Amino acid sequence: MKTWSKSRQDCITNGADLVIINSTEEQEFISKRFGDAQAWIGLSDKDIEGNFKWVDDTLLTTLFWWTGEPNDYGRNEDCAITGYNSAKSNISTWADFPCDVSVFGICEMKIFN
């Protein structure tokens, strides 16, 4: 369990980065694997509040926000976690969260042919 930045650095040290979620299928996979465990994903609005970008600088296109999120509660939530389960769906959803809280991180490694 680490902060968002330390989780990201740990991923990078191991040849990966925090996960980028581009599809419902990918979110379903993460939901099945991690359930309701809160875990960092590679999404933040650290540069510009409300402008969420993935760690590869691509803009957010697929959304799985929990109801009322992102909300920047306390003006201190710039990093995204997954792990909020909805009774209406088997897919966990996201929330913005303080980047300095320690939770699990989900790393993703690109495999090249």
PDB file of N, CA and C in Angstrom:
ATOM      1  N   MET A   1       0.849  -1.175   0.000  1.00  0.00           N
ATOM      2  CA  MET A   1       0.000   0.000   0.000  1.00  0.00           C
ATOM      3  C   MET A   1       0.894   1.238   0.000  1.00  0.00           C
ATOM      4  N   LYS A   2       0.646   2.097  -0.974  1.00  0.00           N
ATOM      5  CA  LYS A   2       1.485   3.278  -1.151  1.00  0.00           C
ATOM      6  C   LYS A   2       0.639   4.445  -1.653  1.00  0.00           C
ATOM      7  N   THR A   3       1.235   5.644  -1.608  1.00  0.00           N
ATOM      8  CA  THR A   3       0.587   6.809  -2.188  1.00  0.00           C
ATOM      9  C   THR A   3       0.514   6.624  -3.705  1.00  0.00           C
ATOM     10  N   TRP A   4      -0.245   7.498  -4.374  1.00  0.00           N
ATOM     11  CA  TRP A   4      -0.374   7.403  -5.822  1.00  0.00           C
ATOM     12  C   TRP A   4       0.997   7.542  -6.481  1.00  0.00           C
ATOM     13  N   SER A   5       1.765   8.553  -6.109  1.00  0.00           N
ATOM     14  CA  SER A   5       3.080   8.777  -6.728  1.00  0.00           C
ATOM     15  C   SER A   5       4.042   7.616  -6.470  1.00  0.00           C
ATOM     16  N   LYS A   6       4.056   7.098  -5.250  1.00  0.00           N
ATOM     17  CA  LYS A   6       4.948   5.974  -4.935  1.00  0.00           C
ATOM     18  C   LYS A   6       4.483   4.704  -5.640  1.00  0.00           C
ATOM     19  N   SER A   7       3.169   4.522  -5.760  1.00  0.00           N
ATOM     20  CA  SER A   7       2.654   3.369  -6.503  1.00  0.00           C
ATOM     21  C   SER A   7       3.065   3.461  -7.957  1.00  0.00           C
ATOM     22  N   ARG A   8       2.939   4.661  -8.525  1.00  0.00           N
ATOM     23  CA  ARG A   8       3.333   4.847  -9.922  1.00  0.00           C
ATOM     24  C   ARG A   8       4.824   4.583 -10.093  1.00  0.00           C
ATOM     25  N   GLN A   9       5.638   5.106  -9.203  1.00  0.00           N
ATOM     26  CA  GLN A   9       7.086   4.889  -9.299  1.00  0.00           C
ATOM     27  C   GLN A   9       7.423   3.409  -9.180  1.00  0.00           C
ATOM     28  N   ASP A  10       6.731   2.695  -8.308  1.00  0.00           N
ATOM     29  CA  ASP A  10       6.945   1.262  -8.157  1.00  0.00           C
ATOM     30  C   ASP A  10       6.611   0.533  -9.464  1.00  0.00           C
ATOM     31  N   CYS A  11       5.505   0.920 -10.091  1.00  0.00           N
ATOM     32  CA  CYS A  11       5.144   0.324 -11.380  1.00  0.00           C
ATOM     33  C   CYS A  11       6.242   0.585 -12.414  1.00  0.00           C
ATOM     34  N   ILE A  12       6.681   1.842 -12.517  1.00  0.00           N
ATOM     35  CA  ILE A  12       7.699   2.225 -13.502  1.00  0.00           C
ATOM     36  C   ILE A  12       8.998   1.471 -13.266  1.00  0.00           C
ATOM     37  N   THR A  13       9.401   1.347 -12.005  1.00  0.00           N
ATOM     38  CA  THR A  13      10.615   0.606 -11.662  1.00  0.00           C
ATOM     39  C   THR A  13      10.542  -0.833 -12.164  1.00  0.00           C
ATOM     40  N   ASN A  14       9.341  -1.371 -12.226  1.00  0.00           N
ATOM     41  CA  ASN A  14       9.143  -2.753 -12.673  1.00  0.00           C
ATOM     42  C   ASN A  14       8.736  -2.854 -14.138  1.00  0.00           C
ATOM     43  N   GLY A  15       8.964  -1.784 -14.910  1.00  0.00           N
ATOM     44  CA  GLY A  15       8.701  -1.823 -16.347  1.00  0.00           C
ATOM     45  C   GLY A  15       7.253  -1.651 -16.740  1.00  0.00           C
ATOM     46  N   ALA A  16       6.456  -1.050 -15.874  1.00  0.00           N
ATOM     47  CA  ALA A  16       5.025  -0.886 -16.134  1.00  0.00           C
ATOM     48  C   ALA A  16       4.626   0.555 -15.796  1.00  0.00           C
ATOM     49  N   ASP A  17       3.342   0.793 -15.654  1.00  0.00           N
ATOM     50  CA  ASP A  17       2.810   2.062 -15.161  1.00  0.00           C
ATOM     51  C   ASP A  17       1.456   1.757 -14.538  1.00  0.00           C
ATOM     52  N   LEU A  18       0.901   2.716 -13.835  1.00  0.00           N
ATOM     53  CA  LEU A  18      -0.438   2.513 -13.297  1.00  0.00           C
ATOM     54  C   LEU A  18      -1.405   2.247 -14.452  1.00  0.00           C
ATOM     55  N   VAL A  19      -2.390   1.420 -14.224  1.00  0.00           N
ATOM     56  CA  VAL A  19      -3.288   0.947 -15.267  1.00  0.00           C
ATOM     57  C   VAL A  19      -4.090   2.086 -15.908  1.00  0.00           C
ATOM     58  N   ILE A  20      -4.251   1.972 -17.219  1.00  0.00           N
ATOM     59  CA  ILE A  20      -5.102   2.855 -18.005  1.00  0.00           C
ATOM     60  C   ILE A  20      -6.287   2.013 -18.448  1.00  0.00           C
ATOM     61  N   ILE A  21      -7.476   2.461 -18.140  1.00  0.00           N
ATOM     62  CA  ILE A  21      -8.689   1.687 -18.427  1.00  0.00           C
ATOM     63  C   ILE A  21      -9.387   2.296 -19.628  1.00  0.00           C
ATOM     64  N   ASN A  22      -9.406   1.547 -20.733  1.00  0.00           N
ATOM     65  CA  ASN A  22      -9.953   2.041 -21.995  1.00  0.00           C
ATOM     66  C   ASN A  22     -11.262   1.394 -22.414  1.00  0.00           C
ATOM     67  N   SER A  23     -11.756   0.440 -21.639  1.00  0.00           N
ATOM     68  CA  SER A  23     -12.955  -0.275 -22.088  1.00  0.00           C
ATOM     69  C   SER A  23     -13.727  -0.845 -20.897  1.00  0.00           C
ATOM     70  N   THR A  24     -14.981  -1.166 -21.160  1.00  0.00           N
ATOM     71  CA  THR A  24     -15.813  -1.815 -20.156  1.00  0.00           C
ATOM     72  C   THR A  24     -15.220  -3.168 -19.782  1.00  0.00           C
ATOM     73  N   GLU A  25     -14.692  -3.878 -20.774  1.00  0.00           N
ATOM     74  CA  GLU A  25     -14.105  -5.195 -20.518  1.00  0.00           C
ATOM     75  C   GLU A  25     -12.919  -5.101 -19.565  1.00  0.00           C
ATOM     76  N   GLU A  26     -12.117  -4.076 -19.728  1.00  0.00           N
ATOM     77  CA  GLU A  26     -10.966  -3.909 -18.839  1.00  0.00           C
ATOM     78  C   GLU A  26     -11.424  -3.579 -17.420  1.00  0.00           C
ATOM     79  N   GLN A  27     -12.431  -2.719 -17.285  1.00  0.00           N
ATOM     80  CA  GLN A  27     -12.957  -2.398 -15.956  1.00  0.00           C
ATOM     81  C   GLN A  27     -13.606  -3.631 -15.325  1.00  0.00           C
ATOM     82  N   GLU A  28     -14.293  -4.430 -16.121  1.00  0.00           N
ATOM     83  CA  GLU A  28     -14.885  -5.675 -15.607  1.00  0.00           C
ATOM     84  C   GLU A  28     -13.803  -6.617 -15.089  1.00  0.00           C
ATOM     85  N   PHE A  29     -12.710  -6.746 -15.833  1.00  0.00           N
ATOM     86  CA  PHE A  29     -11.589  -7.596 -15.407  1.00  0.00           C
ATOM     87  C   PHE A  29     -11.049  -7.116 -14.059  1.00  0.00           C
ATOM     88  N   ILE A  30     -10.826  -5.813 -13.936  1.00  0.00           N
ATOM     89  CA  ILE A  30     -10.308  -5.243 -12.687  1.00  0.00           C
ATOM     90  C   ILE A  30     -11.302  -5.464 -11.557  1.00  0.00           C
ATOM     91  N   SER A  31     -12.577  -5.297 -11.845  1.00  0.00           N
ATOM     92  CA  SER A  31     -13.615  -5.497 -10.828  1.00  0.00           C
ATOM     93  C   SER A  31     -13.619  -6.930 -10.317  1.00  0.00           C
ATOM     94  N   LYS A  32     -13.486  -7.887 -11.233  1.00  0.00           N
ATOM     95  CA  LYS A  32     -13.462  -9.295 -10.836  1.00  0.00           C
ATOM     96  C   LYS A  32     -12.209  -9.620 -10.026  1.00  0.00           C
ATOM     97  N   ARG A  33     -11.095  -9.048 -10.415  1.00  0.00           N
ATOM     98  CA  ARG A  33      -9.819  -9.350  -9.761  1.00  0.00           C
ATOM     99  C   ARG A  33      -9.682  -8.673  -8.397  1.00  0.00           C
ATOM    100  N   PHE A  34     -10.106  -7.408  -8.303  1.00  0.00           N
ATOM    101  CA  PHE A  34      -9.863  -6.626  -7.094  1.00  0.00           C
ATOM    102  C   PHE A  34     -11.118  -6.357  -6.274  1.00  0.00           C
ATOM    103  N   GLY A  35     -12.305  -6.617  -6.830  1.00  0.00           N
ATOM    104  CA  GLY A  35     -13.558  -6.424  -6.094  1.00  0.00           C
ATOM    105  C   GLY A  35     -13.710  -5.007  -5.584  1.00  0.00           C
ATOM    106  N   ASP A  36     -14.023  -4.890  -4.300  1.00  0.00           N
ATOM    107  CA  ASP A  36     -14.234  -3.559  -3.730  1.00  0.00           C
ATOM    108  C   ASP A  36     -12.990  -3.021  -3.019  1.00  0.00           C
ATOM    109  N   ALA A  37     -11.831  -3.632  -3.270  1.00  0.00           N
ATOM    110  CA  ALA A  37     -10.590  -3.109  -2.705  1.00  0.00           C
ATOM    111  C   ALA A  37     -10.237  -1.800  -3.411  1.00  0.00           C
ATOM    112  N   GLN A  38     -10.006  -0.773  -2.647  1.00  0.00           N
ATOM    113  CA  GLN A  38      -9.619   0.502  -3.241  1.00  0.00           C
ATOM    114  C   GLN A  38      -8.209   0.375  -3.792  1.00  0.00           C
ATOM    115  N   ALA A  39      -8.026   0.810  -5.039  1.00  0.00           N
ATOM    116  CA  ALA A  39      -6.728   0.688  -5.690  1.00  0.00           C
ATOM    117  C   ALA A  39      -6.513   1.852  -6.649  1.00  0.00           C
ATOM    118  N   TRP A  40      -5.272   2.347  -6.675  1.00  0.00           N
ATOM    119  CA  TRP A  40      -4.921   3.431  -7.584  1.00  0.00           C
ATOM    120  C   TRP A  40      -4.990   2.970  -9.026  1.00  0.00           C
ATOM    121  N   ILE A  41      -5.504   3.844  -9.886  1.00  0.00           N
ATOM    122  CA  ILE A  41      -5.417   3.661 -11.330  1.00  0.00           C
ATOM    123  C   ILE A  41      -4.624   4.852 -11.871  1.00  0.00           C
ATOM    124  N   GLY A  42      -4.212   4.787 -13.111  1.00  0.00           N
ATOM    125  CA  GLY A  42      -3.328   5.806 -13.678  1.00  0.00           C
ATOM    126  C   GLY A  42      -4.037   7.053 -14.173  1.00  0.00           C
ATOM    127  N   LEU A  43      -4.923   7.597 -13.357  1.00  0.00           N
ATOM    128  CA  LEU A  43      -5.742   8.742 -13.746  1.00  0.00           C
ATOM    129  C   LEU A  43      -5.650   9.825 -12.679  1.00  0.00           C
ATOM    130  N   SER A  44      -5.425  11.072 -13.124  1.00  0.00           N
ATOM    131  CA  SER A  44      -5.381  12.174 -12.160  1.00  0.00           C
ATOM    132  C   SER A  44      -5.712  13.493 -12.848  1.00  0.00           C
ATOM    133  N   ASP A  45      -6.033  14.475 -12.021  1.00  0.00           N
ATOM    134  CA  ASP A  45      -6.189  15.853 -12.511  1.00  0.00           C
ATOM    135  C   ASP A  45      -5.231  16.756 -11.740  1.00  0.00           C
ATOM    136  N   LYS A  46      -4.027  16.234 -11.501  1.00  0.00           N
ATOM    137  CA  LYS A  46      -3.009  16.957 -10.737  1.00  0.00           C
ATOM    138  C   LYS A  46      -2.555  18.238 -11.432  1.00  0.00           C
ATOM    139  N   ASP A  47      -2.548  18.246 -12.760  1.00  0.00           N
ATOM    140  CA  ASP A  47      -2.072  19.421 -13.498  1.00  0.00           C
ATOM    141  C   ASP A  47      -3.119  20.533 -13.538  1.00  0.00           C
ATOM    142  N   ILE A  48      -4.343  20.177 -13.925  1.00  0.00           N
ATOM    143  CA  ILE A  48      -5.444  21.147 -14.014  1.00  0.00           C
ATOM    144  C   ILE A  48      -6.682  20.510 -13.390  1.00  0.00           C
ATOM    145  N   GLU A  49      -7.200  21.132 -12.344  1.00  0.00           N
ATOM    146  CA  GLU A  49      -8.373  20.599 -11.640  1.00  0.00           C
ATOM    147  C   GLU A  49      -9.529  20.380 -12.617  1.00  0.00           C
ATOM    148  N   GLY A  50     -10.073  19.160 -12.562  1.00  0.00           N
ATOM    149  CA  GLY A  50     -11.213  18.803 -13.405  1.00  0.00           C
ATOM    150  C   GLY A  50     -10.835  18.278 -14.781  1.00  0.00           C
ATOM    151  N   ASN A  51      -9.558  18.344 -15.138  1.00  0.00           N
ATOM    152  CA  ASN A  51      -9.076  17.862 -16.420  1.00  0.00           C
ATOM    153  C   ASN A  51      -8.329  16.545 -16.198  1.00  0.00           C
ATOM    154  N   PHE A  52      -9.078  15.454 -16.094  1.00  0.00           N
ATOM    155  CA  PHE A  52      -8.471  14.161 -15.808  1.00  0.00           C
ATOM    156  C   PHE A  52      -7.763  13.612 -17.035  1.00  0.00           C
ATOM    157  N   LYS A  53      -6.514  13.171 -16.812  1.00  0.00           N
ATOM    158  CA  LYS A  53      -5.711  12.559 -17.861  1.00  0.00           C
ATOM    159  C   LYS A  53      -5.075  11.287 -17.311  1.00  0.00           C
ATOM    160  N   TRP A  54      -4.831  10.367 -18.243  1.00  0.00           N
ATOM    161  CA  TRP A  54      -4.137   9.140 -17.892  1.00  0.00           C
ATOM    162  C   TRP A  54      -2.641   9.405 -17.795  1.00  0.00           C
ATOM    163  N   VAL A  55      -1.910   8.473 -17.219  1.00  0.00           N
ATOM    164  CA  VAL A  55      -0.466   8.636 -17.034  1.00  0.00           C
ATOM    165  C   VAL A  55       0.291   8.761 -18.356  1.00  0.00           C
ATOM    166  N   ASP A  56      -0.298   8.344 -19.464  1.00  0.00           N
ATOM    167  CA  ASP A  56       0.343   8.521 -20.776  1.00  0.00           C
ATOM    168  C   ASP A  56      -0.097   9.822 -21.443  1.00  0.00           C
ATOM    169  N   ASP A  57      -0.743  10.698 -20.683  1.00  0.00           N
ATOM    170  CA  ASP A  57      -1.231  12.016 -21.124  1.00  0.00           C
ATOM    171  C   ASP A  57      -2.447  11.971 -22.043  1.00  0.00           C
ATOM    172  N   THR A  58      -3.051  10.808 -22.237  1.00  0.00           N
ATOM    173  CA  THR A  58      -4.287  10.769 -23.021  1.00  0.00           C
ATOM    174  C   THR A  58      -5.445  11.233 -22.145  1.00  0.00           C
ATOM    175  N   LEU A  59      -6.434  11.841 -22.806  1.00  0.00           N
ATOM    176  CA  LEU A  59      -7.606  12.331 -22.092  1.00  0.00           C
ATOM    177  C   LEU A  59      -8.545  11.187 -21.746  1.00  0.00           C
ATOM    178  N   LEU A  60      -9.314  11.410 -20.737  1.00  0.00           N
ATOM    179  CA  LEU A  60     -10.292  10.428 -20.270  1.00  0.00           C
ATOM    180  C   LEU A  60     -11.437  10.333 -21.269  1.00  0.00           C
ATOM    181  N   THR A  61     -11.706   9.132 -21.771  1.00  0.00           N
ATOM    182  CA  THR A  61     -12.817   8.939 -22.709  1.00  0.00           C
ATOM    183  C   THR A  61     -13.835   7.932 -22.187  1.00  0.00           C
ATOM    184  N   THR A  62     -13.394   6.913 -21.474  1.00  0.00           N
ATOM    185  CA  THR A  62     -14.280   5.909 -20.898  1.00  0.00           C
ATOM    186  C   THR A  62     -14.462   6.242 -19.427  1.00  0.00           C
ATOM    187  N   LEU A  63     -15.721   6.372 -18.985  1.00  0.00           N
ATOM    188  CA  LEU A  63     -15.991   6.843 -17.623  1.00  0.00           C
ATOM    189  C   LEU A  63     -16.659   5.770 -16.777  1.00  0.00           C
ATOM    190  N   PHE A  64     -16.140   5.584 -15.578  1.00  0.00           N
ATOM    191  CA  PHE A  64     -16.740   4.673 -14.612  1.00  0.00           C
ATOM    192  C   PHE A  64     -16.825   5.336 -13.242  1.00  0.00           C
ATOM    193  N   TRP A  65     -17.180   6.617 -13.210  1.00  0.00           N
ATOM    194  CA  TRP A  65     -17.241   7.351 -11.944  1.00  0.00           C
ATOM    195  C   TRP A  65     -18.401   6.887 -11.085  1.00  0.00           C
ATOM    196  N   TRP A  66     -18.156   6.771  -9.782  1.00  0.00           N
ATOM    197  CA  TRP A  66     -19.185   6.528  -8.782  1.00  0.00           C
ATOM    198  C   TRP A  66     -20.101   7.740  -8.768  1.00  0.00           C
ATOM    199  N   THR A  67     -21.341   7.580  -8.372  1.00  0.00           N
ATOM    200  CA  THR A  67     -22.307   8.673  -8.298  1.00  0.00           C
ATOM    201  C   THR A  67     -21.737   9.843  -7.497  1.00  0.00           C
ATOM    202  N   GLY A  68     -21.780  11.027  -8.083  1.00  0.00           N
ATOM    203  CA  GLY A  68     -21.290  12.227  -7.409  1.00  0.00           C
ATOM    204  C   GLY A  68     -19.792  12.459  -7.522  1.00  0.00           C
ATOM    205  N   GLU A  69     -19.098  11.571  -8.203  1.00  0.00           N
ATOM    206  CA  GLU A  69     -17.653  11.708  -8.397  1.00  0.00           C
ATOM    207  C   GLU A  69     -17.357  12.125  -9.833  1.00  0.00           C
ATOM    208  N   PRO A  70     -16.270  12.759 -10.097  1.00  0.00           N
ATOM    209  CA  PRO A  70     -15.302  13.280  -9.140  1.00  0.00           C
ATOM    210  C   PRO A  70     -15.837  14.545  -8.467  1.00  0.00           C
ATOM    211  N   ASN A  71     -15.470  14.737  -7.206  1.00  0.00           N
ATOM    212  CA  ASN A  71     -16.008  15.898  -6.482  1.00  0.00           C
ATOM    213  C   ASN A  71     -14.939  16.768  -5.824  1.00  0.00           C
ATOM    214  N   ASP A  72     -13.684  16.373  -5.891  1.00  0.00           N
ATOM    215  CA  ASP A  72     -12.579  17.129  -5.289  1.00  0.00           C
ATOM    216  C   ASP A  72     -12.894  17.549  -3.857  1.00  0.00           C
ATOM    217  N   TYR A  73     -13.422  16.617  -3.074  1.00  0.00           N
ATOM    218  CA  TYR A  73     -13.808  16.888  -1.688  1.00  0.00           C
ATOM    219  C   TYR A  73     -12.647  17.518  -0.934  1.00  0.00           C
ATOM    220  N   GLY A  74     -12.902  18.615  -0.285  1.00  0.00           N
ATOM    221  CA  GLY A  74     -11.875  19.308   0.485  1.00  0.00           C
ATOM    222  C   GLY A  74     -10.787  19.930  -0.375  1.00  0.00           C
ATOM    223  N   ARG A  75     -11.056  20.022  -1.669  1.00  0.00           N
ATOM    224  CA  ARG A  75     -10.061  20.542  -2.630  1.00  0.00           C
ATOM    225  C   ARG A  75      -8.727  19.812  -2.517  1.00  0.00           C
ATOM    226  N   ASN A  76      -8.821  18.498  -2.268  1.00  0.00           N
ATOM    227  CA  ASN A  76      -7.618  17.721  -2.024  1.00  0.00           C
ATOM    228  C   ASN A  76      -7.666  16.351  -2.704  1.00  0.00           C
ATOM    229  N   GLU A  77      -8.475  16.206  -3.746  1.00  0.00           N
ATOM    230  CA  GLU A  77      -8.601  14.905  -4.393  1.00  0.00           C
ATOM    231  C   GLU A  77      -8.218  15.019  -5.869  1.00  0.00           C
ATOM    232  N   ASP A  78      -7.009  14.607  -6.173  1.00  0.00           N
ATOM    233  CA  ASP A  78      -6.491  14.747  -7.531  1.00  0.00           C
ATOM    234  C   ASP A  78      -6.107  13.432  -8.189  1.00  0.00           C
ATOM    235  N   CYS A  79      -6.255  12.329  -7.492  1.00  0.00           N
ATOM    236  CA  CYS A  79      -5.892  11.024  -8.040  1.00  0.00           C
ATOM    237  C   CYS A  79      -7.103  10.102  -7.981  1.00  0.00           C
ATOM    238  N   ALA A  80      -7.172   9.150  -8.908  1.00  0.00           N
ATOM    239  CA  ALA A  80      -8.343   8.287  -9.005  1.00  0.00           C
ATOM    240  C   ALA A  80      -8.072   6.883  -8.467  1.00  0.00           C
ATOM    241  N   ILE A  81      -9.087   6.366  -7.789  1.00  0.00           N
ATOM    242  CA  ILE A  81      -9.057   4.982  -7.327  1.00  0.00           C
ATOM    243  C   ILE A  81     -10.267   4.249  -7.904  1.00  0.00           C
ATOM    244  N   THR A  82     -10.141   2.960  -7.996  1.00  0.00           N
ATOM    245  CA  THR A  82     -11.265   2.109  -8.334  1.00  0.00           C
ATOM    246  C   THR A  82     -11.617   1.325  -7.075  1.00  0.00           C
ATOM    247  N   GLY A  83     -12.781   0.721  -7.043  1.00  0.00           N
ATOM    248  CA  GLY A  83     -13.139  -0.103  -5.894  1.00  0.00           C
ATOM    249  C   GLY A  83     -14.471   0.223  -5.277  1.00  0.00           C
ATOM    250  N   TYR A  84     -15.243   1.102  -5.883  1.00  0.00           N
ATOM    251  CA  TYR A  84     -16.577   1.415  -5.372  1.00  0.00           C
ATOM    252  C   TYR A  84     -17.583   0.568  -6.126  1.00  0.00           C
ATOM    253  N   ASN A  85     -18.258  -0.341  -5.424  1.00  0.00           N
ATOM    254  CA  ASN A  85     -19.215  -1.228  -6.075  1.00  0.00           C
ATOM    255  C   ASN A  85     -20.610  -0.663  -6.019  1.00  0.00           C
ATOM    256  N   SER A  86     -21.295  -0.800  -7.125  1.00  0.00           N
ATOM    257  CA  SER A  86     -22.674  -0.352  -7.237  1.00  0.00           C
ATOM    258  C   SER A  86     -23.585  -1.563  -7.154  1.00  0.00           C
ATOM    259  N   ALA A  87     -24.677  -1.445  -6.432  1.00  0.00           N
ATOM    260  CA  ALA A  87     -25.639  -2.546  -6.334  1.00  0.00           C
ATOM    261  C   ALA A  87     -26.288  -2.811  -7.690  1.00  0.00           C
ATOM    262  N   LYS A  88     -26.239  -1.827  -8.584  1.00  0.00           N
ATOM    263  CA  LYS A  88     -26.875  -1.947  -9.892  1.00  0.00           C
ATOM    264  C   LYS A  88     -25.990  -2.661 -10.908  1.00  0.00           C
ATOM    265  N   SER A  89     -24.724  -2.840 -10.591  1.00  0.00           N
ATOM    266  CA  SER A  89     -23.787  -3.377 -11.570  1.00  0.00           C
ATOM    267  C   SER A  89     -22.714  -4.203 -10.875  1.00  0.00           C
ATOM    268  N   ASN A  90     -22.132  -5.113 -11.623  1.00  0.00           N
ATOM    269  CA  ASN A  90     -21.020  -5.895 -11.078  1.00  0.00           C
ATOM    270  C   ASN A  90     -19.681  -5.234 -11.384  1.00  0.00           C
ATOM    271  N   ILE A  91     -19.715  -4.018 -11.921  1.00  0.00           N
ATOM    272  CA  ILE A  91     -18.496  -3.304 -12.257  1.00  0.00           C
ATOM    273  C   ILE A  91     -18.197  -2.284 -11.161  1.00  0.00           C
ATOM    274  N   SER A  92     -16.978  -2.334 -10.627  1.00  0.00           N
ATOM    275  CA  SER A  92     -16.595  -1.325  -9.645  1.00  0.00           C
ATOM    276  C   SER A  92     -16.414   0.010 -10.348  1.00  0.00           C
ATOM    277  N   THR A  93     -16.547   1.071  -9.582  1.00  0.00           N
ATOM    278  CA  THR A  93     -16.475   2.408 -10.151  1.00  0.00           C
ATOM    279  C   THR A  93     -15.352   3.200  -9.505  1.00  0.00           C
ATOM    280  N   TRP A  94     -15.143   4.420  -9.978  1.00  0.00           N
ATOM    281  CA  TRP A  94     -14.015   5.240  -9.563  1.00  0.00           C
ATOM    282  C   TRP A  94     -14.442   6.385  -8.665  1.00  0.00           C
ATOM    283  N   ALA A  95     -13.477   6.901  -7.943  1.00  0.00           N
ATOM    284  CA  ALA A  95     -13.643   8.138  -7.177  1.00  0.00           C
ATOM    285  C   ALA A  95     -12.327   8.883  -7.211  1.00  0.00           C
ATOM    286  N   ASP A  96     -12.418  10.222  -7.116  1.00  0.00           N
ATOM    287  CA  ASP A  96     -11.170  10.961  -6.918  1.00  0.00           C
ATOM    288  C   ASP A  96     -10.855  10.910  -5.437  1.00  0.00           C
ATOM    289  N   PHE A  97      -9.583  10.947  -5.108  1.00  0.00           N
ATOM    290  CA  PHE A  97      -9.125  10.623  -3.760  1.00  0.00           C
ATOM    291  C   PHE A  97      -7.849  11.410  -3.485  1.00  0.00           C
ATOM    292  N   PRO A  98      -7.550  11.709  -2.223  1.00  0.00           N
ATOM    293  CA  PRO A  98      -6.279  12.385  -1.921  1.00  0.00           C
ATOM    294  C   PRO A  98      -5.092  11.513  -2.343  1.00  0.00           C
ATOM    295  N   CYS A  99      -4.177  12.088  -3.090  1.00  0.00           N
ATOM    296  CA  CYS A  99      -3.047  11.336  -3.654  1.00  0.00           C
ATOM    297  C   CYS A  99      -2.082  10.804  -2.600  1.00  0.00           C
ATOM    298  N   ASP A 100      -2.107  11.380  -1.408  1.00  0.00           N
ATOM    299  CA  ASP A 100      -1.137  10.979  -0.378  1.00  0.00           C
ATOM    300  C   ASP A 100      -1.645   9.883   0.554  1.00  0.00           C
ATOM    301  N   VAL A 101      -2.819   9.334   0.273  1.00  0.00           N
ATOM    302  CA  VAL A 101      -3.350   8.207   1.049  1.00  0.00           C
ATOM    303  C   VAL A 101      -2.720   6.923   0.502  1.00  0.00           C
ATOM    304  N   SER A 102      -2.444   5.983   1.367  1.00  0.00           N
ATOM    305  CA  SER A 102      -1.836   4.718   0.932  1.00  0.00           C
ATOM    306  C   SER A 102      -2.905   3.667   0.671  1.00  0.00           C
ATOM    307  N   VAL A 103      -2.999   3.249  -0.596  1.00  0.00           N
ATOM    308  CA  VAL A 103      -3.851   2.133  -1.010  1.00  0.00           C
ATOM    309  C   VAL A 103      -3.040   1.300  -2.002  1.00  0.00           C
ATOM    310  N   PHE A 104      -3.608   0.217  -2.464  1.00  0.00           N
ATOM    311  CA  PHE A 104      -2.936  -0.611  -3.458  1.00  0.00           C
ATOM    312  C   PHE A 104      -2.892   0.111  -4.791  1.00  0.00           C
ATOM    313  N   GLY A 105      -1.914  -0.204  -5.619  1.00  0.00           N
ATOM    314  CA  GLY A 105      -1.837   0.313  -6.976  1.00  0.00           C
ATOM    315  C   GLY A 105      -1.966  -0.840  -7.955  1.00  0.00           C
ATOM    316  N   ILE A 106      -2.574  -0.574  -9.100  1.00  0.00           N
ATOM    317  CA  ILE A 106      -2.699  -1.596 -10.141  1.00  0.00           C
ATOM    318  C   ILE A 106      -1.775  -1.204 -11.291  1.00  0.00           C
ATOM    319  N   CYS A 107      -0.764  -2.026 -11.521  1.00  0.00           N
ATOM    320  CA  CYS A 107       0.192  -1.767 -12.595  1.00  0.00           C
ATOM    321  C   CYS A 107      -0.254  -2.479 -13.863  1.00  0.00           C
ATOM    322  N   GLU A 108       0.127  -1.890 -14.989  1.00  0.00           N
ATOM    323  CA  GLU A 108      -0.166  -2.468 -16.302  1.00  0.00           C
ATOM    324  C   GLU A 108       1.109  -2.399 -17.126  1.00  0.00           C
ATOM    325  N   MET A 109       1.460  -3.524 -17.726  1.00  0.00           N
ATOM    326  CA  MET A 109       2.665  -3.585 -18.554  1.00  0.00           C
ATOM    327  C   MET A 109       2.271  -3.825 -19.995  1.00  0.00           C
ATOM    328  N   LYS A 110       2.832  -3.047 -20.891  1.00  0.00           N
ATOM    329  CA  LYS A 110       2.594  -3.248 -22.317  1.00  0.00           C
ATOM    330  C   LYS A 110       3.463  -4.406 -22.792  1.00  0.00           C
ATOM    331  N   ILE A 111       2.862  -5.251 -23.592  1.00  0.00           N
ATOM    332  CA  ILE A 111       3.589  -6.376 -24.169  1.00  0.00           C
ATOM    333  C   ILE A 111       3.725  -6.127 -25.655  1.00  0.00           C
ATOM    334  N   PHE A 112       4.944  -6.104 -26.126  1.00  0.00           N
ATOM    335  CA  PHE A 112       5.206  -5.848 -27.538  1.00  0.00           C
ATOM    336  C   PHE A 112       5.542  -7.148 -28.241  1.00  0.00           C
ATOM    337  N   ASN A 113       5.091  -7.278 -29.473  1.00  0.00           N
ATOM    338  CA  ASN A 113       5.390  -8.479 -30.272  1.00  0.00           C
ATOM    339  C   ASN A 113       6.710  -8.331 -30.973  1.00  0.00           C
TER     340      ASN A 113
END
